[in-house]
C-alpha atoms as a PDB file:
ATOM      1  CA  MET A   1       0.000   0.000   0.000  1.00  0.00           C
ATOM      2  CA  ILE A   2       3.044   2.245   0.415  1.00  0.00           C
ATOM      3  CA  HIS A   3       5.998   2.271  -1.952  1.00  0.00           C
ATOM      4  CA  VAL A   4       9.227   3.905  -0.757  1.00  0.00           C
ATOM      5  CA  GLU A   5      12.235   4.784  -2.898  1.00  0.00           C
ATOM      6  CA  ASP A   6      15.248   6.815  -1.821  1.00  0.00           C
ATOM      7  CA  ASP A   7      16.237   8.858  -4.859  1.00  0.00           C
ATOM      8  CA  GLY A   8      19.497  10.508  -3.842  1.00  0.00           C
ATOM      9  CA  GLU A   9      18.593  13.092  -1.202  1.00  0.00           C
ATOM     10  CA  VAL A  10      14.836  12.750  -1.777  1.00  0.00           C
ATOM     11  CA  ARG A  11      12.713   9.940  -0.356  1.00  0.00           C
ATOM     12  CA  VAL A  12       9.765   9.307  -2.689  1.00  0.00           C
ATOM     13  CA  VAL A  13       6.756   7.966  -0.770  1.00  0.00           C
ATOM     14  CA  THR A  14       3.925   6.726  -2.974  1.00  0.00           C
ATOM     15  CA  LEU A  15       0.410   5.928  -1.800  1.00  0.00           C
ATOM     16  CA  ASP A  16      -0.026   2.752  -3.807  1.00  0.00           C
ATOM     17  CA  ARG A  17      -3.692   1.757  -3.749  1.00  0.00           C
ATOM     18  CA  PRO A  18      -4.827   3.043  -7.127  1.00  0.00           C
ATOM     19  CA  LYS A  19      -7.944   0.872  -7.460  1.00  0.00           C
ATOM     20  CA  ARG A  20      -9.320   2.607  -4.361  1.00  0.00           C
ATOM     21  CA  ARG A  21      -7.934   6.007  -5.412  1.00  0.00           C
ATOM     22  CA  ASN A  22      -5.374   5.641  -2.624  1.00  0.00           C
ATOM     23  CA  ALA A  23      -8.077   5.790   0.048  1.00  0.00           C
ATOM     24  CA  LEU A  24      -6.591   5.660   3.525  1.00  0.00           C
ATOM     25  CA  THR A  25      -6.904   2.724   5.910  1.00  0.00           C
ATOM     26  CA  PRO A  26      -5.400   2.550   9.421  1.00  0.00           C
ATOM     27  CA  GLU A  27      -2.665   0.259   8.108  1.00  0.00           C
ATOM     28  CA  LEU A  28      -1.843   2.632   5.267  1.00  0.00           C
ATOM     29  CA  LEU A  29      -1.722   5.564   7.686  1.00  0.00           C
ATOM     30  CA  ASP A  30       0.734   3.715   9.939  1.00  0.00           C
ATOM     31  CA  ALA A  31       2.925   2.768   6.974  1.00  0.00           C
ATOM     32  CA  LEU A  32       2.870   6.349   5.714  1.00  0.00           C
ATOM     33  CA  GLU A  33       3.936   7.694   9.101  1.00  0.00           C
ATOM     34  CA  THR A  34       6.859   5.264   9.290  1.00  0.00           C
ATOM     35  CA  ALA A  35       7.988   6.042   5.746  1.00  0.00           C
ATOM     36  CA  VAL A  36       8.034   9.785   6.380  1.00  0.00           C
ATOM     37  CA  VAL A  37       9.385   9.885   9.934  1.00  0.00           C
ATOM     38  CA  ASP A  38      12.170   7.357   9.257  1.00  0.00           C
ATOM     39  CA  ALA A  39      13.359   9.110   6.100  1.00  0.00           C
ATOM     40  CA  PRO A  40      17.157   9.468   6.019  1.00  0.00           C
ATOM     41  CA  THR A  41      16.883  12.242   3.436  1.00  0.00           C
ATOM     42  CA  PRO A  42      16.455  16.008   3.885  1.00  0.00           C
ATOM     43  CA  VAL A  43      13.424  16.014   1.558  1.00  0.00           C
ATOM     44  CA  VAL A  44      10.422  13.667   1.326  1.00  0.00           C
ATOM     45  CA  TYR A  45       8.218  13.727  -1.759  1.00  0.00           C
ATOM     46  CA  LEU A  46       4.667  12.404  -1.228  1.00  0.00           C
ATOM     47  CA  ARG A  47       2.603  11.335  -4.229  1.00  0.00           C
ATOM     48  CA  GLY A  48      -0.255   9.042  -5.210  1.00  0.00           C
ATOM     49  CA  GLU A  49      -0.191   6.190  -7.710  1.00  0.00           C
ATOM     50  CA  GLY A  50      -2.694   6.290 -10.557  1.00  0.00           C
ATOM     51  CA  GLU A  51      -5.260   8.976 -11.278  1.00  0.00           C
ATOM     52  CA  ALA A  52      -5.659  10.298  -7.720  1.00  0.00           C
ATOM     53  CA  PHE A  53      -3.359  11.760  -5.113  1.00  0.00           C
ATOM     54  CA  CYS A  54      -5.613  10.486  -2.323  1.00  0.00           C
ATOM     55  CA  ALA A  55      -9.383  10.099  -2.018  1.00  0.00           C
ATOM     56  CA  GLY A  56      -9.286  10.492   1.778  1.00  0.00           C
ATOM     57  CA  ALA A  57     -10.343   8.029   4.430  1.00  0.00           C
ATOM     58  CA  ASP A  58     -11.757   4.741   3.161  1.00  0.00           C
ATOM     59  CA  LEU A  59     -15.439   5.091   4.037  1.00  0.00           C
ATOM     60  CA  SER A  60     -15.782   1.355   4.628  1.00  0.00           C
ATOM     61  CA  VAL A  61     -13.278   1.808   7.458  1.00  0.00           C
ATOM     62  CA  VAL A  62     -15.225   4.765   8.835  1.00  0.00           C
ATOM     63  CA  ALA A  63     -18.331   2.591   8.780  1.00  0.00           C
ATOM     64  CA  LYS A  64     -16.568  -0.104  10.801  1.00  0.00           C
ATOM     65  CA  VAL A  65     -15.266   2.297  13.429  1.00  0.00           C
ATOM     66  CA  ALA A  66     -18.725   3.835  13.687  1.00  0.00           C
ATOM     67  CA  GLU A  67     -20.182   0.372  14.351  1.00  0.00           C
ATOM     68  CA  SER A  68     -17.485  -0.502  16.890  1.00  0.00           C
ATOM     69  CA  GLY A  69     -17.644   2.831  18.682  1.00  0.00           C
ATOM     70  CA  ASP A  70     -13.919   3.355  18.129  1.00  0.00           C
ATOM     71  CA  VAL A  71     -14.274   6.704  16.379  1.00  0.00           C
ATOM     72  CA  LYS A  72     -11.974   8.638  18.687  1.00  0.00           C
ATOM     73  CA  ARG A  73      -9.099   6.224  18.145  1.00  0.00           C
ATOM     74  CA  PHE A  74      -9.506   6.450  14.365  1.00  0.00           C
ATOM     75  CA  VAL A  75      -9.517  10.250  14.380  1.00  0.00           C
ATOM     76  CA  ARG A  76      -6.538  10.405  16.728  1.00  0.00           C
ATOM     77  CA  ARG A  77      -4.625   8.079  14.425  1.00  0.00           C
ATOM     78  CA  GLY A  78      -5.119  10.396  11.468  1.00  0.00           C
ATOM     79  CA  GLN A  79      -4.238  13.445  13.558  1.00  0.00           C
ATOM     80  CA  ARG A  80      -1.073  11.735  14.776  1.00  0.00           C
ATOM     81  CA  VAL A  81       0.063  10.930  11.245  1.00  0.00           C
ATOM     82  CA  ALA A  82      -0.662  14.455  10.005  1.00  0.00           C
ATOM     83  CA  ASP A  83       1.212  15.901  12.986  1.00  0.00           C
ATOM     84  CA  SER A  84       4.136  13.556  12.308  1.00  0.00           C
ATOM     85  CA  ILE A  85       4.334  14.772   8.712  1.00  0.00           C
ATOM     86  CA  GLU A  86       4.240  18.367   9.910  1.00  0.00           C
ATOM     87  CA  THR A  87       6.900  17.979  12.603  1.00  0.00           C
ATOM     88  CA  THR A  88       9.342  15.510  11.037  1.00  0.00           C
ATOM     89  CA  ASP A  89      12.840  16.876  10.411  1.00  0.00           C
ATOM     90  CA  SER A  90      12.658  16.382   6.633  1.00  0.00           C
ATOM     91  CA  VAL A  91      10.953  18.912   4.391  1.00  0.00           C
ATOM     92  CA  VAL A  92       7.836  17.159   3.071  1.00  0.00           C
ATOM     93  CA  VAL A  93       6.579  18.086  -0.394  1.00  0.00           C
ATOM     94  CA  ALA A  94       3.161  16.978  -1.618  1.00  0.00           C
ATOM     95  CA  GLY A  95       2.917  16.457  -5.373  1.00  0.00           C
ATOM     96  CA  ILE A  96      -0.802  16.495  -6.229  1.00  0.00           C
ATOM     97  CA  ASP A  97      -1.434  15.082  -9.693  1.00  0.00           C
ATOM     98  CA  GLY A  98      -5.111  14.150  -9.819  1.00  0.00           C
ATOM     99  CA  ALA A  99      -7.824  14.176  -7.182  1.00  0.00           C
ATOM    100  CA  ALA A 100      -7.263  15.110  -3.551  1.00  0.00           C
ATOM    101  CA  ARG A 101     -10.370  14.713  -1.428  1.00  0.00           C
ATOM    102  CA  GLY A 102     -11.092  14.864   2.292  1.00  0.00           C
ATOM    103  CA  GLY A 103      -8.270  13.179   4.151  1.00  0.00           C
ATOM    104  CA  GLY A 104      -6.119  13.512   1.040  1.00  0.00           C
ATOM    105  CA  VAL A 105      -6.420  17.287   1.315  1.00  0.00           C
ATOM    106  CA  GLU A 106      -5.570  16.975   5.014  1.00  0.00           C
ATOM    107  CA  LEU A 107      -2.398  15.030   4.232  1.00  0.00           C
ATOM    108  CA  ALA A 108      -1.411  17.738   1.763  1.00  0.00           C
ATOM    109  CA  LEU A 109      -2.148  20.462   4.325  1.00  0.00           C
ATOM    110  CA  ALA A 110       0.243  18.786   6.765  1.00  0.00           C
ATOM    111  CA  CYS A 111       3.062  18.890   4.204  1.00  0.00           C
ATOM    112  CA  ASP A 112       5.480  21.807   4.101  1.00  0.00           C
ATOM    113  CA  ILE A 113       5.078  22.535   0.396  1.00  0.00           C
ATOM    114  CA  ARG A 114       2.082  21.683  -1.792  1.00  0.00           C
ATOM    115  CA  LEU A 115       2.598  21.543  -5.546  1.00  0.00           C
ATOM    116  CA  ALA A 116      -0.077  20.767  -8.113  1.00  0.00           C
ATOM    117  CA  THR A 117      -0.114  19.753 -11.733  1.00  0.00           C
ATOM    118  CA  GLU A 118      -2.826  21.009 -14.096  1.00  0.00           C
ATOM    119  CA  ALA A 119      -4.610  17.683 -13.516  1.00  0.00           C
ATOM    120  CA  ALA A 120      -5.016  18.303  -9.785  1.00  0.00           C
ATOM    121  CA  THR A 121      -8.420  18.892  -8.213  1.00  0.00           C
ATOM    122  CA  PHE A 122      -9.330  19.461  -4.573  1.00  0.00           C
ATOM    123  CA  GLY A 123     -12.467  18.990  -2.516  1.00  0.00           C
ATOM    124  CA  GLU A 124     -13.801  18.469   0.991  1.00  0.00           C
ATOM    125  CA  PRO A 125     -16.932  16.443   0.168  1.00  0.00           C
ATOM    126  CA  GLY A 126     -17.617  15.279   3.736  1.00  0.00           C
ATOM    127  CA  VAL A 127     -20.161  18.026   4.302  1.00  0.00           C
ATOM    128  CA  THR A 128     -22.329  16.561   1.517  1.00  0.00           C
ATOM    129  CA  PHE A 129     -22.863  13.324   3.456  1.00  0.00           C
ATOM    130  CA  GLY A 130     -22.668  14.615   7.016  1.00  0.00           C
ATOM    131  CA  LEU A 131     -18.985  14.460   7.998  1.00  0.00           C
ATOM    132  CA  PHE A 132     -15.840  16.605   7.765  1.00  0.00           C
ATOM    133  CA  GLY A 133     -12.077  16.203   7.693  1.00  0.00           C
ATOM    134  CA  ALA A 134     -11.011  15.669  11.308  1.00  0.00           C
ATOM    135  CA  TRP A 135      -7.282  14.997  10.983  1.00  0.00           C
ATOM    136  CA  GLY A 136      -6.309  18.572  11.751  1.00  0.00           C
ATOM    137  CA  GLY A 137      -7.863  20.027   8.624  1.00  0.00           C
ATOM    138  CA  THR A 138     -10.141  22.447  10.462  1.00  0.00           C
ATOM    139  CA  VAL A 139      -7.039  23.859  12.155  1.00  0.00           C
ATOM    140  CA  ARG A 140      -4.656  23.943   9.186  1.00  0.00           C
ATOM    141  CA  LEU A 141      -7.008  24.985   6.388  1.00  0.00           C
ATOM    142  CA  PRO A 142      -7.830  28.505   7.669  1.00  0.00           C
ATOM    143  CA  GLU A 143      -4.193  29.045   8.607  1.00  0.00           C
ATOM    144  CA  ILE A 144      -3.133  28.280   5.050  1.00  0.00           C
ATOM    145  CA  VAL A 145      -5.912  29.773   2.893  1.00  0.00           C
ATOM    146  CA  GLY A 146      -7.507  32.287   5.276  1.00  0.00           C
ATOM    147  CA  LEU A 147     -10.805  32.092   7.122  1.00  0.00           C
ATOM    148  CA  GLY A 148     -13.059  33.169   4.275  1.00  0.00           C
ATOM    149  CA  ASN A 149     -11.594  30.782   1.722  1.00  0.00           C
ATOM    150  CA  ALA A 150     -11.559  27.971   4.272  1.00  0.00           C
ATOM    151  CA  LEU A 151     -15.254  28.392   5.026  1.00  0.00           C
ATOM    152  CA  ASP A 152     -16.181  28.617   1.347  1.00  0.00           C
ATOM    153  CA  PHE A 153     -14.147  25.544   0.437  1.00  0.00           C
ATOM    154  CA  SER A 154     -15.297  23.354   3.322  1.00  0.00           C
ATOM    155  CA  LEU A 155     -18.950  24.424   3.613  1.00  0.00           C
ATOM    156  CA  SER A 156     -19.699  24.280  -0.119  1.00  0.00           C
ATOM    157  CA  GLY A 157     -18.210  20.835  -0.705  1.00  0.00           C
ATOM    158  CA  ARG A 158     -17.312  22.023  -4.185  1.00  0.00           C
ATOM    159  CA  VAL A 159     -14.329  20.817  -6.198  1.00  0.00           C
ATOM    160  CA  ILE A 160     -11.719  23.364  -7.242  1.00  0.00           C
ATOM    161  CA  ASP A 161      -9.050  23.073  -9.904  1.00  0.00           C
ATOM    162  CA  ALA A 162      -5.315  23.644  -9.622  1.00  0.00           C
ATOM    163  CA  ASP A 163      -5.452  27.293 -10.663  1.00  0.00           C
ATOM    164  CA  GLU A 164      -8.039  28.187  -8.029  1.00  0.00           C
ATOM    165  CA  ALA A 165      -6.110  26.176  -5.442  1.00  0.00           C
ATOM    166  CA  ARG A 166      -3.062  28.305  -6.211  1.00  0.00           C
ATOM    167  CA  ARG A 167      -5.068  31.520  -6.112  1.00  0.00           C
ATOM    168  CA  ILE A 168      -6.367  30.866  -2.591  1.00  0.00           C
ATOM    169  CA  GLY A 169      -3.000  29.541  -1.375  1.00  0.00           C
ATOM    170  CA  LEU A 170      -3.928  25.890  -0.998  1.00  0.00           C
ATOM    171  CA  VAL A 171      -0.950  25.101  -3.236  1.00  0.00           C
ATOM    172  CA  SER A 172       2.045  27.330  -3.804  1.00  0.00           C
ATOM    173  CA  ARG A 173       2.693  26.467  -7.439  1.00  0.00           C
ATOM    174  CA  VAL A 174       1.223  24.680 -10.444  1.00  0.00           C
ATOM    175  CA  VAL A 175       4.058  22.846 -12.213  1.00  0.00           C
ATOM    176  CA  ASP A 176       4.603  20.139 -14.791  1.00  0.00           C
ATOM    177  CA  ASP A 177       6.734  17.928 -12.534  1.00  0.00           C
ATOM    178  CA  PRO A 178       6.477  18.398  -8.748  1.00  0.00           C
ATOM    179  CA  HIS A 179       9.192  15.776  -8.228  1.00  0.00           C
ATOM    180  CA  ASP A 180      11.721  18.001  -9.993  1.00  0.00           C
ATOM    181  CA  VAL A 181      10.848  20.864  -7.656  1.00  0.00           C
ATOM    182  CA  ALA A 182      11.318  18.586  -4.640  1.00  0.00           C
ATOM    183  CA  LYS A 183      14.723  17.521  -5.943  1.00  0.00           C
ATOM    184  CA  GLY A 184      15.656  21.159  -6.469  1.00  0.00           C
ATOM    185  CA  LEU A 185      15.304  21.830  -2.743  1.00  0.00           C
ATOM    186  CA  THR A 186      18.287  19.585  -2.057  1.00  0.00           C
ATOM    187  CA  LYS A 187      20.591  22.147  -3.703  1.00  0.00           C
ATOM    188  CA  ASN A 188      20.158  24.217  -0.554  1.00  0.00           C
ATOM    189  CA  ASP A 189      22.002  23.754   2.731  1.00  0.00           C
ATOM    190  CA  LYS A 190      20.497  20.700   4.456  1.00  0.00           C
ATOM    191  CA  GLN A 191      20.833  22.057   7.972  1.00  0.00           C
ATOM    192  CA  ALA A 192      19.249  25.347   6.954  1.00  0.00           C
ATOM    193  CA  LEU A 193      16.261  23.503   5.459  1.00  0.00           C
ATOM    194  CA  GLY A 194      15.549  21.813   8.785  1.00  0.00           C
ATOM    195  CA  VAL A 195      16.038  24.933  10.890  1.00  0.00           C
ATOM    196  CA  LEU A 196      13.835  27.057   8.632  1.00  0.00           C
ATOM    197  CA  LYS A 197      11.074  24.453   8.749  1.00  0.00           C
ATOM    198  CA  GLU A 198      11.245  24.341  12.543  1.00  0.00           C
ATOM    199  CA  ARG A 199      11.118  28.128  12.938  1.00  0.00           C
ATOM    200  CA  VAL A 200       8.384  28.841  10.398  1.00  0.00           C
ATOM    201  CA  ARG A 201       6.229  26.047  11.781  1.00  0.00           C
ATOM    202  CA  ASP A 202       6.566  27.090  15.440  1.00  0.00           C
ATOM    203  CA  ARG A 203       2.940  27.950  16.145  1.00  0.00           C
ATOM    204  CA  GLY A 204       2.455  26.510  19.634  1.00  0.00           C
ATOM    205  CA  ALA A 205       0.293  23.694  20.916  1.00  0.00           C
ATOM    206  CA  LYS A 206      -2.795  22.555  18.945  1.00  0.00           C
ATOM    207  CA  ALA A 207      -4.057  20.102  21.563  1.00  0.00           C
ATOM    208  CA  ASP A 208      -7.228  22.005  22.494  1.00  0.00           C
ATOM    209  CA  GLN A 209      -8.217  22.512  18.862  1.00  0.00           C
ATOM    210  CA  GLU A 210      -7.639  18.845  18.041  1.00  0.00           C
ATOM    211  CA  ASP A 211      -9.693  17.723  21.075  1.00  0.00           C
ATOM    212  CA  ALA A 212     -12.581  19.838  19.806  1.00  0.00           C
ATOM    213  CA  GLU A 213     -12.181  18.333  16.332  1.00  0.00           C
ATOM    214  CA  VAL A 214     -12.419  14.788  17.732  1.00  0.00           C
ATOM    215  CA  ALA A 215     -15.561  15.593  19.707  1.00  0.00           C
ATOM    216  CA  ALA A 216     -17.288  17.182  16.709  1.00  0.00           C
ATOM    217  CA  PHE A 217     -16.441  14.256  14.438  1.00  0.00           C
ATOM    218  CA  GLU A 218     -17.764  11.774  17.000  1.00  0.00           C
ATOM    219  CA  ARG A 219     -21.086  13.630  17.130  1.00  0.00           C
ATOM    220  CA  LEU A 220     -21.488  13.524  13.357  1.00  0.00           C
ATOM    221  CA  VAL A 221     -20.586   9.844  13.090  1.00  0.00           C
ATOM    222  CA  ALA A 222     -23.196   9.036  15.721  1.00  0.00           C
ATOM    223  CA  ALA A 223     -25.805  11.113  13.895  1.00  0.00           C
ATOM    224  CA  HIS A 224     -25.141   9.359  10.567  1.00  0.00           C
ATOM    225  CA  ALA A 225     -24.571   5.812  11.798  1.00  0.00           C
ATOM    226  CA  GLU A 226     -27.241   4.309   9.525  1.00  0.00           C
ATOM    227  CA  GLU A 227     -25.897   5.902   6.358  1.00  0.00           C
ATOM    228  CA  LEU A 228     -22.332   4.962   7.242  1.00  0.00           C
ATOM    229  CA  ALA A 229     -23.334   1.349   7.751  1.00  0.00           C
ATOM    230  CA  THR A 230     -24.056   1.044   4.033  1.00  0.00           C
ATOM    231  CA  TYR A 231     -20.356   1.634   3.277  1.00  0.00           C
ATOM    232  CA  GLY A 232     -19.410  -1.392   5.340  1.00  0.00           C
ATOM    233  CA  GLU A 233     -21.572  -3.824   3.384  1.00  0.00           C
END
């Protein structure tokens, strides 16, 4: 489900579940965390295999955790992985070539640099079926794109293209080959890369905000238990 290749000073981490549009399971999340945190390289490049970057959480898994009552553990797992991506020593670059939805957007938000190709699209569709991205997305999204854009993007559930994503700041650039940009970072001083990441990202504790996110997600899962059960069949 995860393919890892160390390409010189860049570790390429590929979400490799193309038939499910790289939808995230607990096992895939754990493997992703290990691949990023254990990287021996100054730069990690995160991509998706096939036509999607990542479709978000596998809804069949959400259905199972809703049935088992283990929602909090599932949300905390996703938050932990996103936090690990954000705080790891390596600079993490997301290369979005295709669809990023829900948890896939949240993974990208946790990365240090987000690059899109013209084929990239972004959406937070959870609101259309009664959920939302609870892996830190409600904290990171307004920080990155501003409050107004964050509310429009998340409350509408609409899909935006790469150019609009760049305009609102969801991605920093639209490029032909995000991998080449990631490799270009390694021309810089490796120690300086790590120190700059640490200083720019120093925003204090998020624990209270993440606790509130867990509680809100639990309420919505409970309210939509019947609909979610259909994804587990």
